[in-house]
Amino acid sequence: MINSIISTDKAKCRDCYRCVRVCPVKAIRISDGQARVDAERCILCGTCVRECPQQAKHVRDDIEKVADILASPGKTIASVAPSFPAAFGNYGSGLLPAALKKLGFDMVTETAVGAELVASATANLLEANKTAWITSACPVVVNFVEKYHPNVCRNITPLDSPMIAHAKYLKKKFGEDARVVFIGPCSAKKGEAEDDPEHSVDAVLTFEELHQILLDARINKSALQPTPFDDVRPKNAQLFPLEGGLAQTASIASGLLREDFITLSGSEHVSEMVDHLSDNTPIRLFEALFCAGGCINGACMGQTKDIYARRHKVLQYHKRKTYEAEQEFDISTAPEIDLVRDISARTLPQPQYSEAAVKAVLAETGKRTLDDELNCGACGYSSCRENAIAVLSGMAERSMCLPWMRQMAERKADQIIEYSPNGIVAVDAEFKIVSFNPAFADMFSATERLVGRPISALMDPEDFEKVAAEVVPRISGKTVSFQQYNLILNESIYRLEGENVMIGIFANLTRTREDEDRIARIRAETLASAESVIGKQMRMAQEIAGILGETTSETRVLLRKLTELAKEAEENK
């Protein structure tokens, strides 16, 4: 099963690395600042879903799939996990079975019946085999062992979980064509149902999904008639979602201090268990649940966050036994079901990287010595070396090292200030110079000896005082003439937010003003020259016109005389 059961909403993901920090197996891949679940590595515990502050992680929604099942012909049976009283306390007194039937389920049954079957099979296994067994009821524990501790697979009880066992029981009793929809608090159940070779469970709804379905259906609880669960009622398996629930169901534990039985929960305790498991272990049975506190703390419980209140509700339901099925479950008369399952290694690739490669990544993030390796955990990994290996495997990015990124940002900021052509000065609440950059030093002929002295040693502090007193929030783009330095500067002054430090930024306009004056002089000289040239041209044109006018007149007189002579000659012939 490599399907993406847990996904990331990229629009909400804010690269906070919270999911990396809380993931017990570091199955979060960071790429371009986005966190996504690596389905091959994921054990489907749902911790990232529960812990994401941006609610960017989601368990796959199967609401539409269940709606299609309910709309199609045939019997549909709901198998409700025994932790339901903790999730649907407001649907007490038989209202939850009534609501589910209102949604279209033909039967509503308790998965705890399957837990009775598994508990009995576990007790028989303990009698027949002296192995140090780890219960297989929790699919996350099974995923964790198969993927990350394959050498421990032989210690997992080779039995179906209560969900699969109950589905097999229901189909054996009510027909193989019946559809079984499991409803529970665990995201891993979706993967477990898909991995089951017999596909006994047709669909899985989380409690959160059921809450949404009931909300969308607008079921009026006050109009519901309390309805008992169908089929049979379990004996003690309603305690299954609590620590020690399996042992209590199978009457294995005679007390909390039994020396060959341990109940534990939480990822850290599960990891510690598999790390120390050996052939010499005196424990006969480890009842292990991956979620701290048991199934009542599943990632998809929804609503109330008080785990103690959840535990109390489950205990109260078991004690009162209200609106249960009339007939009590009798394992001796139950249909015969094969609960044996295969627990086998799903070993993940474990690439090996040379020490030189690891050191190269460390060096790229400023860690050249052991003292440079802060191991702060901000990236989500427990050590800088672990992060470097994750970078080499493509699971992490160098930019995840926040101390290094901060150093880089500060270094760039320092370089910007250092090489800025604008003069920059920092002044404290007492108007004393804290620091300044080289451009400021050039403008005001300042030396390091001025650090700690009042800004009034260089200029009138009035504008700094106005900003400090909040007479004005800031000064921006004010042109100021510093005659003693032969400077014309564009001045901006503002206060650093959250600090009693003011920053003054001075852009040099002196050269610009000189250039403007020079251009103005050239423009005036050009206009004067143009007027002189135009005047001369006008006079010359007039003179030429006069000369041309006299010549034209003389030519006309001469032509007239020639014409007259020509006429006289013609007449004398």
Protein backbone atom coordinates (compact mmCIF):
# COMPACT_ATOMS: atom_id res chain seq x y z
CA MET A 1 0.00 0.00 0.00
CA ILE A 2 1.73 3.14 -1.29
CA ASN A 3 -1.43 5.21 -1.72
CA SER A 4 -1.32 8.74 -0.39
CA ILE A 5 -3.63 8.36 2.61
CA ILE A 6 -2.14 11.43 4.29
CA SER A 7 -1.62 14.47 2.09
CA THR A 8 -0.53 18.10 2.37
CA ASP A 9 -2.47 21.21 1.44
CA LYS A 10 0.30 23.22 -0.23
CA ALA A 11 -1.57 26.49 0.14
CA LYS A 12 -1.57 26.11 3.92
CA CYS A 13 1.91 24.64 4.41
CA ARG A 14 4.19 27.32 5.89
CA ASP A 15 7.52 25.41 6.10
CA CYS A 16 7.54 25.48 9.91
CA TYR A 17 8.93 21.89 10.01
CA ARG A 18 6.55 21.01 12.83
CA CYS A 19 5.55 17.82 11.01
CA VAL A 20 9.20 16.82 10.62
CA ARG A 21 9.80 17.33 14.33
CA VAL A 22 6.83 15.23 15.46
CA CYS A 23 7.02 12.44 12.87
CA PRO A 24 8.43 9.42 14.75
CA VAL A 25 10.00 7.96 11.60
CA LYS A 26 10.88 11.18 9.72
CA ALA A 27 8.64 10.28 6.77
CA ILE A 28 8.21 13.92 5.76
CA ARG A 29 9.94 14.98 2.57
CA ILE A 30 10.76 18.68 2.22
CA SER A 31 10.99 19.95 -1.36
CA ASP A 32 11.00 23.63 -2.37
CA GLY A 33 9.99 24.50 1.17
CA GLN A 34 6.87 22.29 1.00
CA ALA A 35 6.35 19.35 3.34
CA ARG A 36 4.72 16.22 1.98
CA VAL A 37 4.33 12.74 3.39
CA ASP A 38 6.49 10.06 1.80
CA ALA A 39 3.93 7.26 1.51
CA GLU A 40 6.56 4.52 1.32
CA ARG A 41 8.12 5.58 4.63
CA CYS A 42 4.90 6.61 6.38
CA ILE A 43 3.44 4.36 9.10
CA LEU A 44 0.09 6.25 9.03
CA CYS A 45 0.12 7.20 12.71
CA GLY A 46 -1.46 10.56 11.81
CA THR A 47 0.73 12.49 14.25
CA CYS A 48 1.51 15.09 11.58
CA VAL A 49 -2.22 15.57 10.96
CA ARG A 50 -2.95 16.15 14.63
CA GLU A 51 0.08 18.38 15.27
CA CYS A 52 0.13 20.62 12.16
CA PRO A 53 -0.54 24.19 13.40
CA GLN A 54 -1.73 25.29 9.94
CA GLN A 55 -4.02 22.25 9.52
CA ALA A 56 -2.23 21.56 6.25
CA LYS A 57 -2.17 17.76 6.68
CA HIS A 58 -5.27 15.72 5.86
CA VAL A 59 -6.33 12.10 6.02
CA ARG A 60 -7.92 10.90 2.79
CA ASP A 61 -11.65 11.59 2.68
CA ASP A 62 -13.74 8.47 1.95
CA ILE A 63 -17.14 10.05 2.59
CA GLU A 64 -18.17 9.89 -1.05
CA LYS A 65 -17.05 6.26 -1.30
CA VAL A 66 -19.28 5.30 1.66
CA ALA A 67 -22.17 7.32 0.22
CA ASP A 68 -21.92 5.26 -2.98
CA ILE A 69 -21.94 2.03 -0.94
CA LEU A 70 -25.02 3.12 0.99
CA ALA A 71 -26.79 4.11 -2.24
CA SER A 72 -26.17 0.75 -3.92
CA PRO A 73 -28.29 -2.39 -3.36
CA GLY A 74 -27.24 -4.87 -0.67
CA LYS A 75 -26.73 -5.01 3.07
CA THR A 76 -24.32 -2.50 4.59
CA ILE A 77 -23.06 -3.04 8.14
CA ALA A 78 -21.34 -0.43 10.29
CA SER A 79 -18.60 -1.75 12.55
CA VAL A 80 -18.08 0.92 15.22
CA ALA A 81 -14.78 0.97 17.13
CA PRO A 82 -15.04 0.64 20.95
CA SER A 83 -13.61 4.14 21.46
CA PHE A 84 -16.84 5.67 20.09
CA PRO A 85 -18.19 6.81 23.52
CA ALA A 86 -15.19 9.15 23.76
CA ALA A 87 -15.88 10.68 20.34
CA PHE A 88 -19.69 10.76 20.38
CA GLY A 89 -20.56 11.52 23.97
CA ASN A 90 -23.35 13.77 22.76
CA TYR A 91 -24.84 10.77 20.93
CA GLY A 92 -25.17 8.68 24.09
CA SER A 93 -28.07 6.51 25.16
CA GLY A 94 -28.36 4.64 21.88
CA LEU A 95 -28.57 7.68 19.61
CA LEU A 96 -25.47 6.84 17.55
CA PRO A 97 -26.89 3.53 16.22
CA ALA A 98 -30.12 5.36 15.48
CA ALA A 99 -28.28 8.13 13.61
CA LEU A 100 -26.26 5.62 11.56
CA LYS A 101 -29.43 3.80 10.54
CA LYS A 102 -30.91 7.14 9.59
CA LEU A 103 -27.91 7.54 7.26
CA GLY A 104 -28.77 4.25 5.56
CA PHE A 105 -26.85 1.50 7.39
CA ASP A 106 -28.82 -1.72 7.66
CA MET A 107 -26.99 -2.88 10.76
CA VAL A 108 -24.86 -1.11 13.36
CA THR A 109 -22.50 -3.36 15.30
CA GLU A 110 -19.61 -3.05 17.76
CA THR A 111 -16.07 -3.83 16.57
CA ALA A 112 -15.41 -4.95 20.14
CA VAL A 113 -16.85 -8.33 19.14
CA GLY A 114 -13.85 -8.73 16.84
CA ALA A 115 -11.64 -7.70 19.76
CA GLU A 116 -13.09 -10.59 21.77
CA LEU A 117 -12.02 -12.97 19.01
CA VAL A 118 -8.49 -11.53 18.83
CA ALA A 119 -8.05 -11.52 22.60
CA SER A 120 -9.02 -15.19 22.80
CA ALA A 121 -6.66 -16.12 19.95
CA THR A 122 -3.85 -14.17 21.64
CA ALA A 123 -4.36 -16.05 24.90
CA ASN A 124 -4.19 -19.37 23.03
CA LEU A 125 -0.99 -18.25 21.28
CA LEU A 126 0.63 -17.41 24.61
CA GLU A 127 -0.12 -20.88 25.95
CA ALA A 128 1.25 -22.61 22.86
CA ASN A 129 4.40 -20.54 22.29
CA LYS A 130 6.97 -19.11 24.68
CA THR A 131 7.96 -16.25 22.36
CA ALA A 132 8.01 -12.68 23.64
CA TRP A 133 4.95 -11.52 21.74
CA ILE A 134 3.91 -8.02 20.65
CA THR A 135 0.18 -7.62 20.02
CA SER A 136 -0.87 -6.97 16.41
CA ALA A 137 -4.06 -5.05 17.22
CA CYS A 138 -2.48 -1.66 16.45
CA PRO A 139 -1.78 -1.28 12.70
CA VAL A 140 0.73 1.50 13.33
CA VAL A 141 2.85 -0.73 15.54
CA VAL A 142 2.76 -3.38 12.83
CA ASN A 143 3.74 -0.85 10.13
CA PHE A 144 6.54 0.46 12.35
CA VAL A 145 8.00 -3.01 12.89
CA GLU A 146 7.62 -4.18 9.29
CA LYS A 147 9.30 -1.08 7.86
CA TYR A 148 11.85 -0.04 10.47
CA HIS A 149 12.51 -3.11 12.64
CA PRO A 150 12.03 -6.09 10.31
CA ASN A 151 14.05 -8.34 12.65
CA VAL A 152 11.19 -8.02 15.17
CA CYS A 153 8.47 -9.21 12.74
CA ARG A 154 8.67 -12.72 14.21
CA ASN A 155 7.60 -11.28 17.58
CA ILE A 156 4.35 -9.75 16.30
CA THR A 157 1.37 -12.00 17.00
CA PRO A 158 0.38 -13.35 13.54
CA LEU A 159 -3.26 -12.46 14.10
CA ASP A 160 -5.73 -10.12 12.45
CA SER A 161 -6.63 -6.87 14.15
CA PRO A 162 -10.10 -6.55 15.75
CA MET A 163 -11.28 -4.55 12.70
CA ILE A 164 -10.40 -7.31 10.22
CA ALA A 165 -11.53 -10.06 12.58
CA HIS A 166 -14.93 -8.42 13.05
CA ALA A 167 -15.39 -7.87 9.31
CA LYS A 168 -14.63 -11.53 8.62
CA TYR A 169 -17.04 -12.53 11.39
CA LEU A 170 -19.83 -10.31 9.99
CA LYS A 171 -19.46 -11.61 6.45
CA LYS A 172 -19.32 -15.18 7.64
CA LYS A 173 -22.50 -14.69 9.68
CA PHE A 174 -24.55 -12.36 7.46
CA GLY A 175 -23.28 -13.21 4.00
CA GLU A 176 -20.10 -12.65 2.02
CA ASP A 177 -21.88 -10.07 -0.12
CA ALA A 178 -22.51 -7.82 2.92
CA ARG A 179 -20.50 -4.58 2.87
CA VAL A 180 -18.67 -3.69 6.08
CA VAL A 181 -17.78 -0.07 6.86
CA PHE A 182 -15.44 0.35 9.80
CA ILE A 183 -15.75 3.58 11.80
CA GLY A 184 -12.93 4.52 14.17
CA PRO A 185 -10.34 7.04 15.35
CA CYS A 186 -7.32 5.75 13.41
CA SER A 187 -5.92 6.94 10.08
CA ALA A 188 -3.89 3.70 9.75
CA LYS A 189 -7.08 1.65 9.47
CA LYS A 190 -7.54 2.93 5.91
CA GLY A 191 -4.18 1.46 4.96
CA GLU A 192 -4.79 -1.75 6.90
CA ALA A 193 -8.07 -2.33 5.06
CA GLU A 194 -6.31 -1.92 1.71
CA ASP A 195 -3.47 -4.27 2.72
CA ASP A 196 -5.83 -7.05 3.81
CA PRO A 197 -5.56 -9.71 1.06
CA GLU A 198 -9.21 -10.74 1.59
CA HIS A 199 -10.46 -7.11 1.54
CA SER A 200 -12.86 -7.93 4.35
CA VAL A 201 -13.47 -4.23 5.09
CA ASP A 202 -15.12 -2.40 2.20
CA ALA A 203 -14.49 1.14 3.49
CA VAL A 204 -13.13 3.00 6.49
CA LEU A 205 -14.50 6.18 8.00
CA THR A 206 -12.74 8.12 10.71
CA PHE A 207 -14.72 9.58 13.58
CA GLU A 208 -14.02 13.03 12.12
CA GLU A 209 -15.53 11.96 8.79
CA LEU A 210 -18.61 10.59 10.55
CA HIS A 211 -18.99 13.87 12.45
CA GLN A 212 -18.97 15.66 9.09
CA ILE A 213 -21.52 13.26 7.58
CA LEU A 214 -23.88 13.73 10.52
CA LEU A 215 -23.45 17.50 10.27
CA ASP A 216 -24.17 17.52 6.53
CA ALA A 217 -27.19 15.25 7.00
CA ARG A 218 -28.67 17.70 9.54
CA ILE A 219 -29.98 14.87 11.66
CA ASN A 220 -32.17 16.12 14.50
CA LYS A 221 -30.99 14.19 17.56
CA SER A 222 -34.09 15.12 19.51
CA ALA A 223 -36.20 13.29 16.93
CA LEU A 224 -34.19 10.06 17.19
CA GLN A 225 -35.39 7.06 19.17
CA PRO A 226 -32.63 5.34 21.19
CA THR A 227 -31.66 2.16 19.37
CA PRO A 228 -29.51 -0.74 20.61
CA PHE A 229 -26.57 -2.08 18.61
CA ASP A 230 -27.29 -5.04 16.35
CA ASP A 231 -25.99 -8.62 16.52
CA VAL A 232 -24.34 -9.42 19.88
CA ARG A 233 -22.78 -7.43 22.69
CA PRO A 234 -19.14 -7.96 23.69
CA LYS A 235 -18.18 -8.99 27.23
CA ASN A 236 -15.14 -6.89 28.14
CA ALA A 237 -13.70 -5.81 24.79
CA GLN A 238 -15.26 -2.38 25.07
CA LEU A 239 -12.10 -1.64 27.10
CA PHE A 240 -9.90 -2.54 24.14
CA PRO A 241 -9.02 1.08 23.17
CA LEU A 242 -7.48 1.67 26.61
CA GLU A 243 -4.03 0.61 27.80
CA GLY A 244 -4.32 -2.98 28.99
CA GLY A 245 -7.65 -3.47 27.24
CA LEU A 246 -6.63 -6.62 25.38
CA ALA A 247 -5.24 -8.29 28.49
CA GLN A 248 -8.38 -7.38 30.43
CA THR A 249 -10.57 -8.78 27.66
CA ALA A 250 -8.63 -12.06 27.55
CA SER A 251 -8.31 -12.21 31.36
CA ILE A 252 -4.53 -12.39 30.89
CA ALA A 253 -3.40 -9.80 33.43
CA SER A 254 -4.04 -10.53 37.06
CA GLY A 255 -2.69 -7.13 38.01
CA LEU A 256 -0.74 -4.15 36.78
CA LEU A 257 2.51 -5.55 38.22
CA ARG A 258 2.41 -8.96 36.53
CA GLU A 259 6.07 -9.65 35.73
CA ASP A 260 5.63 -11.22 32.28
CA PHE A 261 3.10 -8.74 30.88
CA ILE A 262 3.55 -5.09 29.94
CA THR A 263 1.10 -2.59 28.51
CA LEU A 264 2.58 0.46 26.86
CA SER A 265 1.58 3.28 24.56
CA GLY A 266 3.21 6.16 22.73
CA SER A 267 5.81 6.19 19.96
CA GLU A 268 8.76 6.64 22.33
CA HIS A 269 7.80 3.64 24.44
CA VAL A 270 7.17 1.52 21.34
CA SER A 271 10.61 2.47 19.98
CA GLU A 272 12.22 1.62 23.30
CA MET A 273 10.42 -1.73 23.32
CA VAL A 274 11.71 -2.85 19.91
CA ASP A 275 15.21 -1.55 20.64
CA HIS A 276 15.53 -3.70 23.76
CA LEU A 277 13.61 -6.76 22.60
CA SER A 278 15.76 -9.91 22.62
CA ASP A 279 15.54 -13.66 23.15
CA ASN A 280 16.36 -13.09 26.80
CA THR A 281 13.41 -10.77 27.36
CA PRO A 282 11.43 -12.02 30.38
CA ILE A 283 8.20 -10.45 29.07
CA ARG A 284 5.70 -12.83 27.47
CA LEU A 285 3.36 -10.19 26.06
CA PHE A 286 3.80 -6.55 25.11
CA GLU A 287 0.42 -4.95 24.60
CA ALA A 288 1.58 -2.02 22.50
CA LEU A 289 -0.47 0.90 21.19
CA PHE A 290 1.31 3.58 19.17
CA CYS A 291 -0.86 6.52 20.25
CA ALA A 292 -0.07 7.76 23.75
CA GLY A 293 -2.93 6.74 26.00
CA GLY A 294 -4.27 4.21 23.50
CA CYS A 295 -6.86 4.40 20.74
CA ILE A 296 -8.84 7.06 22.61
CA ASN A 297 -6.02 9.40 21.54
CA GLY A 298 -6.17 8.46 17.86
CA ALA A 299 -5.31 11.15 15.34
CA CYS A 300 -8.88 11.26 14.00
CA MET A 301 -10.88 11.29 17.24
CA GLY A 302 -12.08 14.84 16.68
CA GLN A 303 -13.83 17.23 19.08
CA THR A 304 -12.79 16.96 22.75
CA LYS A 305 -9.06 17.04 23.47
CA ASP A 306 -9.20 15.85 27.10
CA ILE A 307 -7.83 12.32 27.04
CA TYR A 308 -8.87 11.71 30.66
CA ALA A 309 -12.45 12.63 29.87
CA ARG A 310 -12.32 10.26 26.90
CA ARG A 311 -11.07 7.42 29.09
CA HIS A 312 -13.82 8.12 31.61
CA LYS A 313 -16.52 7.96 28.92
CA VAL A 314 -15.31 4.57 27.67
CA LEU A 315 -15.21 3.18 31.21
CA GLN A 316 -18.68 4.52 31.95
CA TYR A 317 -20.11 2.97 28.79
CA HIS A 318 -18.59 -0.40 29.69
CA LYS A 319 -19.92 -0.15 33.24
CA ARG A 320 -23.48 0.87 32.38
CA LYS A 321 -23.84 -1.34 29.29
CA THR A 322 -26.78 0.69 28.04
CA TYR A 323 -28.36 0.13 24.65
CA GLU A 324 -26.19 -2.84 23.82
CA ALA A 325 -27.35 -5.82 21.81
CA GLU A 326 -29.55 -8.10 23.88
CA GLN A 327 -27.59 -11.28 23.32
CA GLU A 328 -24.06 -11.54 24.77
CA PHE A 329 -21.27 -12.73 22.51
CA ASP A 330 -20.40 -16.41 23.03
CA ILE A 331 -17.16 -17.31 21.32
CA SER A 332 -18.01 -21.00 21.49
CA THR A 333 -20.96 -20.50 19.15
CA ALA A 334 -19.26 -17.94 16.88
CA PRO A 335 -18.63 -18.84 13.24
CA GLU A 336 -15.21 -20.38 12.68
CA ILE A 337 -12.86 -17.76 11.25
CA ASP A 338 -9.24 -17.93 10.18
CA LEU A 339 -7.53 -15.06 12.02
CA VAL A 340 -3.98 -15.94 11.00
CA ARG A 341 -2.16 -13.22 9.10
CA ASP A 342 1.30 -12.78 7.65
CA ILE A 343 3.67 -10.33 9.33
CA SER A 344 6.57 -9.77 6.96
CA ALA A 345 9.34 -7.25 6.48
CA ARG A 346 8.77 -4.30 4.17
CA THR A 347 12.34 -3.14 4.43
CA LEU A 348 13.01 0.35 3.19
CA PRO A 349 16.12 1.20 1.14
CA GLN A 350 18.98 2.21 3.43
CA PRO A 351 21.53 4.02 1.26
CA GLN A 352 24.94 4.47 2.79
CA TYR A 353 26.80 7.76 2.46
CA SER A 354 30.48 8.31 2.94
CA GLU A 355 31.79 10.41 5.78
CA ALA A 356 33.19 12.80 3.19
CA ALA A 357 29.73 13.30 1.65
CA VAL A 358 28.16 13.97 5.06
CA LYS A 359 30.91 16.42 5.99
CA ALA A 360 30.48 18.20 2.66
CA VAL A 361 26.79 18.87 3.40
CA LEU A 362 27.66 19.99 6.91
CA ALA A 363 30.29 22.37 5.54
CA GLU A 364 27.81 23.85 3.08
CA THR A 365 25.69 24.91 6.04
CA GLY A 366 28.61 26.38 7.97
CA LYS A 367 29.40 23.33 10.12
CA ARG A 368 33.10 22.69 9.70
CA THR A 369 33.83 21.60 13.24
CA LEU A 370 31.93 19.74 15.97
CA ASP A 371 31.44 23.04 17.79
CA ASP A 372 29.52 24.32 14.75
CA GLU A 373 26.99 21.47 15.03
CA LEU A 374 24.43 22.99 17.37
CA ASN A 375 22.02 20.01 17.17
CA CYS A 376 19.24 22.46 18.05
CA GLY A 377 16.50 20.41 16.37
CA ALA A 378 14.91 23.43 14.65
CA CYS A 379 14.99 21.58 11.32
CA GLY A 380 13.06 18.66 12.83
CA TYR A 381 16.00 16.28 13.04
CA SER A 382 17.72 15.36 16.30
CA SER A 383 21.20 16.24 15.07
CA CYS A 384 22.97 18.15 12.32
CA ARG A 385 24.44 14.89 11.00
CA GLU A 386 20.98 13.30 10.79
CA ASN A 387 19.79 16.32 8.82
CA ALA A 388 22.82 16.11 6.50
CA ILE A 389 22.04 12.45 5.77
CA ALA A 390 18.40 13.42 5.09
CA VAL A 391 19.64 16.05 2.65
CA LEU A 392 21.72 13.42 0.83
CA SER A 393 18.70 11.09 0.65
CA GLY A 394 16.46 13.82 -0.74
CA MET A 395 14.25 14.04 2.35
CA ALA A 396 15.50 17.44 3.54
CA GLU A 397 16.93 20.70 2.21
CA ARG A 398 19.94 22.69 3.34
CA SER A 399 17.72 25.71 3.91
CA MET A 400 16.03 23.85 6.79
CA CYS A 401 18.96 24.79 9.05
CA LEU A 402 17.47 27.91 10.64
CA PRO A 403 20.60 29.09 12.52
CA TRP A 404 22.61 28.90 9.29
CA MET A 405 19.86 30.68 7.32
CA ARG A 406 19.77 33.40 9.96
CA GLN A 407 23.54 33.83 9.74
CA MET A 408 23.27 34.04 5.96
CA ALA A 409 20.51 36.65 6.19
CA GLU A 410 22.46 38.72 8.70
CA ARG A 411 25.59 38.47 6.58
CA LYS A 412 23.72 39.64 3.49
CA ALA A 413 22.15 42.47 5.45
CA ASP A 414 25.58 43.49 6.74
CA GLN A 415 26.97 43.41 3.20
CA ILE A 416 24.11 45.53 1.90
CA ILE A 417 24.73 48.11 4.60
CA GLU A 418 28.51 47.91 4.18
CA TYR A 419 28.43 48.53 0.43
CA SER A 420 25.44 50.85 0.28
CA PRO A 421 26.22 54.22 -1.42
CA ASN A 422 23.87 55.82 1.11
CA GLY A 423 25.14 56.88 4.49
CA ILE A 424 23.54 54.82 7.29
CA VAL A 425 23.82 55.59 11.00
CA ALA A 426 22.23 53.94 14.07
CA VAL A 427 21.44 56.17 17.08
CA ASP A 428 20.26 54.94 20.50
CA ALA A 429 17.58 56.37 22.80
CA GLU A 430 20.10 58.84 24.23
CA PHE A 431 20.92 60.02 20.70
CA LYS A 432 24.37 58.48 20.84
CA ILE A 433 25.93 56.95 17.75
CA VAL A 434 25.81 53.15 17.84
CA SER A 435 27.31 52.40 14.42
CA PHE A 436 27.60 53.71 10.87
CA ASN A 437 28.66 52.43 7.49
CA PRO A 438 31.61 53.56 5.29
CA ALA A 439 29.42 55.82 3.12
CA PHE A 440 28.30 57.77 6.20
CA ALA A 441 31.91 58.01 7.36
CA ASP A 442 32.93 59.50 3.98
CA MET A 443 30.10 62.03 4.00
CA PHE A 444 30.75 63.36 7.52
CA SER A 445 34.48 62.57 7.83
CA ALA A 446 33.55 60.30 10.74
CA THR A 447 35.91 57.88 12.48
CA GLU A 448 35.31 54.99 14.89
CA ARG A 449 36.05 57.35 17.77
CA LEU A 450 32.61 58.89 17.21
CA VAL A 451 30.85 55.67 18.26
CA GLY A 452 29.24 56.35 21.62
CA ARG A 453 29.26 60.10 21.14
CA PRO A 454 26.09 62.19 20.57
CA ILE A 455 24.86 62.56 17.00
CA SER A 456 24.93 66.31 17.67
CA ALA A 457 28.70 66.10 17.19
CA LEU A 458 27.98 65.75 13.48
CA MET A 459 24.59 67.34 12.86
CA ASP A 460 21.54 68.98 14.38
CA PRO A 461 19.72 66.14 16.23
CA GLU A 462 16.30 67.80 15.93
CA ASP A 463 14.90 65.33 13.40
CA PHE A 464 16.05 62.33 15.46
CA GLU A 465 14.43 63.91 18.52
CA LYS A 466 11.12 64.35 16.67
CA VAL A 467 11.03 60.69 15.68
CA ALA A 468 12.05 59.57 19.18
CA ALA A 469 9.30 61.68 20.75
CA GLU A 470 6.85 60.41 18.12
CA VAL A 471 6.12 63.96 17.04
CA VAL A 472 6.28 62.37 13.61
CA PRO A 473 6.23 58.60 13.02
CA ARG A 474 9.15 58.87 10.65
CA ILE A 475 10.91 61.30 8.34
CA SER A 476 11.10 60.27 4.72
CA GLY A 477 12.74 62.01 1.76
CA LYS A 478 13.54 65.35 3.43
CA THR A 479 16.17 67.45 1.61
CA VAL A 480 18.71 68.91 4.05
CA SER A 481 21.70 71.15 3.33
CA PHE A 482 24.82 70.54 5.42
CA GLN A 483 26.87 73.61 4.49
CA GLN A 484 29.76 72.70 6.80
CA TYR A 485 30.28 69.53 4.76
CA ASN A 486 29.29 71.07 1.39
CA LEU A 487 26.55 68.44 1.16
CA ILE A 488 22.95 68.37 0.09
CA LEU A 489 21.38 65.14 1.39
CA ASN A 490 18.04 63.34 1.17
CA GLU A 491 17.27 62.34 4.77
CA SER A 492 15.12 59.46 6.09
CA ILE A 493 14.85 58.62 9.80
CA TYR A 494 12.78 55.85 11.42
CA ARG A 495 12.70 53.81 14.62
CA LEU A 496 13.46 50.08 14.60
CA GLU A 497 10.29 48.29 15.69
CA GLY A 498 10.56 46.90 19.21
CA GLU A 499 13.92 48.56 19.87
CA ASN A 500 15.06 51.94 21.16
CA VAL A 501 17.24 52.48 18.13
CA MET A 502 16.74 54.95 15.31
CA ILE A 503 18.19 54.60 11.85
CA GLY A 504 19.20 57.53 9.70
CA ILE A 505 19.70 57.06 5.97
CA PHE A 506 21.29 59.83 3.90
CA ALA A 507 21.34 59.86 0.11
CA ASN A 508 23.82 62.30 -1.45
CA LEU A 509 22.12 64.86 -3.71
CA THR A 510 25.14 67.20 -3.92
CA ARG A 511 26.39 65.92 -7.25
CA THR A 512 22.85 65.98 -8.59
CA ARG A 513 22.42 69.65 -7.62
CA GLU A 514 25.80 70.55 -9.12
CA ASP A 515 24.81 68.78 -12.32
CA GLU A 516 21.49 70.63 -12.37
CA ASP A 517 23.26 74.02 -11.92
CA ARG A 518 25.74 73.16 -14.67
CA ILE A 519 22.94 72.17 -17.04
CA ALA A 520 21.09 75.40 -16.25
CA ARG A 521 24.22 77.46 -17.07
CA ILE A 522 24.73 75.59 -20.34
CA ARG A 523 21.08 76.11 -21.21
CA ALA A 524 21.35 79.88 -20.57
CA GLU A 525 24.60 80.20 -22.52
CA THR A 526 23.13 78.22 -25.39
CA LEU A 527 20.06 80.45 -25.53
CA ALA A 528 22.24 83.62 -25.54
CA SER A 529 24.45 82.23 -28.32
CA ALA A 530 21.42 81.22 -30.32
CA GLU A 531 19.92 84.70 -30.03
CA SER A 532 23.23 86.31 -31.21
CA VAL A 533 23.55 83.97 -34.18
CA ILE A 534 19.93 84.45 -35.19
CA GLY A 535 20.39 88.25 -35.04
CA LYS A 536 23.42 88.14 -37.27
CA GLN A 537 21.62 85.86 -39.74
CA MET A 538 18.67 88.23 -39.88
CA ARG A 539 20.91 91.23 -40.65
CA MET A 540 22.79 89.34 -43.33
CA ALA A 541 19.54 88.27 -44.95
CA GLN A 542 18.36 91.86 -45.05
CA GLU A 543 21.62 93.02 -46.62
CA ILE A 544 21.49 90.30 -49.23
CA ALA A 545 17.89 91.18 -49.98
CA GLY A 546 18.86 94.83 -50.49
CA ILE A 547 21.69 93.98 -52.87
CA LEU A 548 19.45 91.58 -54.76
CA GLY A 549 16.77 94.28 -55.02
CA GLU A 550 19.16 96.85 -56.63
CA THR A 551 20.55 94.34 -59.13
CA THR A 552 17.06 93.31 -60.17
CA SER A 553 16.07 96.94 -60.90
CA GLU A 554 19.12 97.61 -63.08
CA THR A 555 18.50 94.42 -65.03
CA ARG A 556 14.94 95.46 -65.78
CA VAL A 557 16.14 98.88 -67.23
CA LEU A 558 18.73 97.20 -69.40
CA LEU A 559 16.24 94.72 -70.81
CA ARG A 560 13.79 97.46 -71.63
CA LYS A 561 16.47 99.40 -73.61
CA LEU A 562 17.50 96.29 -75.54
CA THR A 563 13.88 95.62 -76.48
CA GLU A 564 13.42 99.12 -77.83
CA LEU A 565 16.62 98.94 -79.94
CA ALA A 566 15.45 95.65 -81.39
CA LYS A 567 12.13 97.19 -82.45
CA GLU A 568 13.85 100.19 -84.11
CA ALA A 569 16.16 97.92 -86.11
CA GLU A 570 13.19 95.91 -87.33
CA GLU A 571 11.33 99.01 -88.52
CA ASN A 572 14.37 100.38 -90.52
CA LYS A 573 14.59 97.32 -92.75
